[in-house]
Protein backbone atom coordinates (compact mmCIF):
# COMPACT_ATOMS: atom_id res chain seq x y z
CA UNK A 1 13.81 1.25 40.66
CA UNK A 2 11.24 -1.54 40.68
CA UNK A 3 10.58 -1.05 36.96
CA UNK A 4 14.33 -1.17 36.27
CA UNK A 5 14.80 -4.42 38.18
CA UNK A 6 11.73 -5.91 36.47
CA UNK A 7 13.16 -4.92 33.08
CA UNK A 8 16.49 -6.56 33.89
CA UNK A 9 14.70 -9.74 35.03
CA UNK A 10 12.62 -9.74 31.83
CA UNK A 11 15.73 -9.32 29.66
CA UNK A 12 17.41 -12.25 31.40
CA UNK A 13 14.22 -14.37 31.15
CA UNK A 14 14.04 -13.62 27.42
CA UNK A 15 17.54 -15.06 27.04
CA UNK A 16 19.36 -11.83 26.24
CA UNK A 17 23.03 -12.32 26.92
CA UNK A 18 24.87 -10.34 27.97
CA UNK A 19 22.52 -7.97 29.74
CA UNK A 20 24.51 -4.76 30.03
CA UNK A 21 23.90 -2.30 32.83
CA UNK A 22 25.25 1.24 32.44
CA UNK A 23 25.93 3.33 35.52
CA UNK A 24 27.07 6.92 35.88
CA UNK A 25 28.78 7.79 39.14
CA UNK A 26 28.35 11.38 40.28
CA UNK A 27 30.38 13.01 43.02
CA UNK A 28 28.36 13.45 46.18
CA UNK A 29 25.39 11.53 44.77
CA UNK A 30 26.30 7.86 44.29
CA UNK A 31 30.09 7.81 43.98
CA UNK A 32 30.34 5.61 47.07
CA UNK A 33 28.32 2.80 45.46
CA UNK A 34 30.74 1.51 42.80
CA UNK A 35 31.86 -1.61 44.68
CA UNK A 36 28.34 -2.48 45.87
CA UNK A 37 26.99 -2.13 42.35
CA UNK A 38 29.74 -4.30 40.88
CA UNK A 39 29.13 -7.03 43.47
CA UNK A 40 25.40 -6.95 42.73
CA UNK A 41 25.97 -7.13 38.95
CA UNK A 42 28.35 -10.06 39.34
CA UNK A 43 25.86 -11.91 41.57
CA UNK A 44 23.13 -11.34 38.98
CA UNK A 45 25.30 -12.38 36.02
CA UNK A 46 25.05 -8.91 34.48
CA UNK A 47 27.72 -6.98 32.61
CA UNK A 48 28.25 -3.66 34.39
CA UNK A 49 29.71 -0.67 32.60
CA UNK A 50 30.59 2.55 34.39
CA UNK A 51 30.32 5.64 32.18
CA UNK A 52 31.82 9.02 32.90
CA UNK A 53 29.15 11.68 33.10
CA UNK A 54 28.95 13.48 29.75
CA UNK A 55 27.69 16.95 28.78
CA UNK A 56 24.53 15.60 27.15
CA UNK A 57 21.93 16.49 29.77
CA UNK A 58 18.70 18.29 28.84
CA UNK A 59 19.33 21.09 31.36
CA UNK A 60 22.78 21.87 29.93
CA UNK A 61 23.99 21.90 33.52
CA UNK A 62 26.89 19.46 33.17
CA UNK A 63 29.66 20.20 35.64
CA UNK A 64 33.04 18.56 35.16
CA UNK A 65 33.66 18.85 38.91
CA UNK A 66 30.76 16.47 39.58
CA UNK A 67 32.08 13.85 37.14
CA UNK A 68 33.83 10.81 38.59
CA UNK A 69 36.63 10.02 36.14
CA UNK A 70 37.57 6.64 34.70
CA UNK A 71 40.78 6.70 36.74
CA UNK A 72 38.80 7.36 39.91
CA UNK A 73 36.33 4.57 39.14
CA UNK A 74 39.14 2.11 38.54
CA UNK A 75 40.90 3.20 41.73
CA UNK A 76 37.72 2.94 43.83
CA UNK A 77 37.14 -0.61 42.65
CA UNK A 78 40.77 -1.53 43.31
CA UNK A 79 40.63 0.07 46.77
CA UNK A 80 37.51 -2.02 47.48
CA UNK A 81 39.55 -5.17 46.89
CA UNK A 82 38.76 -5.97 43.27
CA UNK A 83 41.67 -7.13 41.13
CA UNK A 84 41.13 -5.50 37.72
CA UNK A 85 43.16 -6.93 34.86
CA UNK A 86 42.79 -5.47 31.37
CA UNK A 87 40.81 -7.83 29.15
CA UNK A 88 41.03 -8.11 25.37
CA UNK A 89 41.62 -5.12 23.11
CA UNK A 90 38.34 -3.24 22.87
CA UNK A 91 38.59 -2.50 19.16
CA UNK A 92 35.90 0.06 18.36
CA UNK A 93 33.81 -0.64 21.49
CA UNK A 94 33.45 2.29 23.88
CA UNK A 95 34.18 0.32 27.05
CA UNK A 96 37.60 -0.71 28.28
CA UNK A 97 37.03 -4.17 29.75
CA UNK A 98 38.67 -5.47 32.88
CA UNK A 99 38.57 -9.05 34.16
CA UNK A 100 37.42 -8.97 37.77
CA UNK A 101 39.45 -11.10 40.17
CA UNK A 102 40.86 -13.22 37.35
CA UNK A 103 37.57 -13.57 35.48
CA UNK A 104 35.56 -14.75 33.76
CA UNK A 105 33.38 -11.80 34.79
CA UNK A 106 34.31 -8.38 33.51
CA UNK A 107 33.49 -4.77 34.22
CA UNK A 108 33.59 -2.02 31.63
CA UNK A 109 34.72 1.56 32.08
CA UNK A 110 33.75 4.11 29.46
CA UNK A 111 35.98 7.16 29.82
CA UNK A 112 34.40 9.31 27.12
CA UNK A 113 35.66 12.51 28.69
CA UNK A 114 39.09 11.63 30.12
CA UNK A 115 40.02 8.64 27.93
CA UNK A 116 38.49 9.57 24.57
CA UNK A 117 38.41 6.81 21.98
CA UNK A 118 37.39 8.94 19.01
CA UNK A 119 40.09 7.51 16.75
CA UNK A 120 38.58 4.04 17.04
CA UNK A 121 34.91 4.99 17.29
CA UNK A 122 32.62 3.58 14.63
CA UNK A 123 29.35 4.59 16.30
CA UNK A 124 26.71 6.47 14.36
CA UNK A 125 23.23 7.45 15.51
CA UNK A 126 19.90 7.63 13.73
CA UNK A 127 17.49 9.77 15.72
CA UNK A 128 13.79 9.02 16.00
CA UNK A 129 13.07 11.91 13.62
CA UNK A 130 15.35 10.63 10.86
CA UNK A 131 18.55 12.58 11.50
CA UNK A 132 21.92 10.82 11.04
CA UNK A 133 24.62 11.83 13.56
CA UNK A 134 28.27 10.86 13.33
CA UNK A 135 29.09 11.81 16.95
CA UNK A 136 27.14 12.10 20.19
CA UNK A 137 28.84 15.44 20.78
CA UNK A 138 28.43 16.76 17.24
CA UNK A 139 26.48 19.89 16.37
CA UNK A 140 25.45 18.77 12.90
CA UNK A 141 23.03 16.17 11.60
CA UNK A 142 22.29 14.84 8.14
CA UNK A 143 18.61 14.70 7.28
CA UNK A 144 17.68 11.26 5.93
CA UNK A 145 13.94 11.51 6.52
CA UNK A 146 13.26 14.17 3.88
CA UNK A 147 15.14 12.40 1.05
CA UNK A 148 13.61 9.06 2.07
CA UNK A 149 10.10 10.51 1.93
CA UNK A 150 10.94 12.07 -1.42
CA UNK A 151 11.79 8.64 -2.85
CA UNK A 152 15.58 8.54 -2.49
CA UNK A 153 17.13 5.21 -3.38
CA UNK A 154 19.12 3.13 -0.93
CA UNK A 155 22.29 4.16 -2.78
CA UNK A 156 21.41 7.87 -2.49
CA UNK A 157 20.81 7.50 1.26
CA UNK A 158 24.04 5.52 1.62
CA UNK A 159 25.92 8.30 -0.16
CA UNK A 160 24.55 10.88 2.28
CA UNK A 161 25.70 8.69 5.17
CA UNK A 162 29.14 8.11 3.60
CA UNK A 163 29.65 11.86 3.18
CA UNK A 164 28.70 12.44 6.80
CA UNK A 165 31.04 9.70 8.03
CA UNK A 166 33.87 11.15 5.92
CA UNK A 167 33.34 14.47 7.72
CA UNK A 168 33.58 12.91 11.17
CA UNK A 169 35.91 14.95 13.39
CA UNK A 170 39.06 13.36 14.78
CA UNK A 171 37.94 14.18 18.33
CA UNK A 172 34.70 15.18 19.98
CA UNK A 173 36.11 18.52 21.14
CA UNK A 174 34.86 18.43 24.72
CA UNK A 175 38.30 19.53 25.90
CA UNK A 176 38.27 22.58 23.59
CA UNK A 177 37.74 25.94 25.27
CA UNK A 178 35.01 26.74 22.74
CA UNK A 179 33.10 23.45 23.18
CA UNK A 180 29.35 23.93 22.94
CA UNK A 181 27.08 21.21 24.26
CA UNK A 182 24.80 19.74 21.57
CA UNK A 183 21.24 21.06 21.57
CA UNK A 184 19.84 17.55 21.81
CA UNK A 185 20.24 15.65 25.07
CA UNK A 186 21.28 12.00 25.07
CA UNK A 187 17.66 10.86 25.32
CA UNK A 188 16.81 12.61 22.05
CA UNK A 189 19.91 11.37 20.24
CA UNK A 190 19.44 7.71 20.99
CA UNK A 191 22.25 6.92 23.38
């Protein structure tokens, strides 16, 4: 915790703006802390984003029953006395933004599981070992490292990426009965 707070202070001191803080609420663990966390973030001038827990854990132990949904997060904040008014259209950003008590401060809610935004998502990932991923939840990767080391041109690498983007699924499939969690956890994907 001390390292986290020191990192936040360092980011602010370096002039990074906004400093975004992501928080995952989990039932029975920290789901009673939403309002306290939002108050703290507002006092610190930080941009808080609540993220639904996603099946990207290294233990492959994700349990939908433990996930606090976007609707629940929004309701808990409202019940705590926060007036949440939808902010601007999010475009391709993952977070729905809400002005808090008339603004200017906002809070984000990322409902990856219950409010999927796949149709607007433009996020791609390049892993630390040179694999290109078109979805956090995807099972496939496009190897860019091997062609790059073999002397591929920028245009050849771009073509590999374009082909992968063209094959991006319309939805991440987490609501499909046959959904299989990706082998790589979020920390190995670059999330």
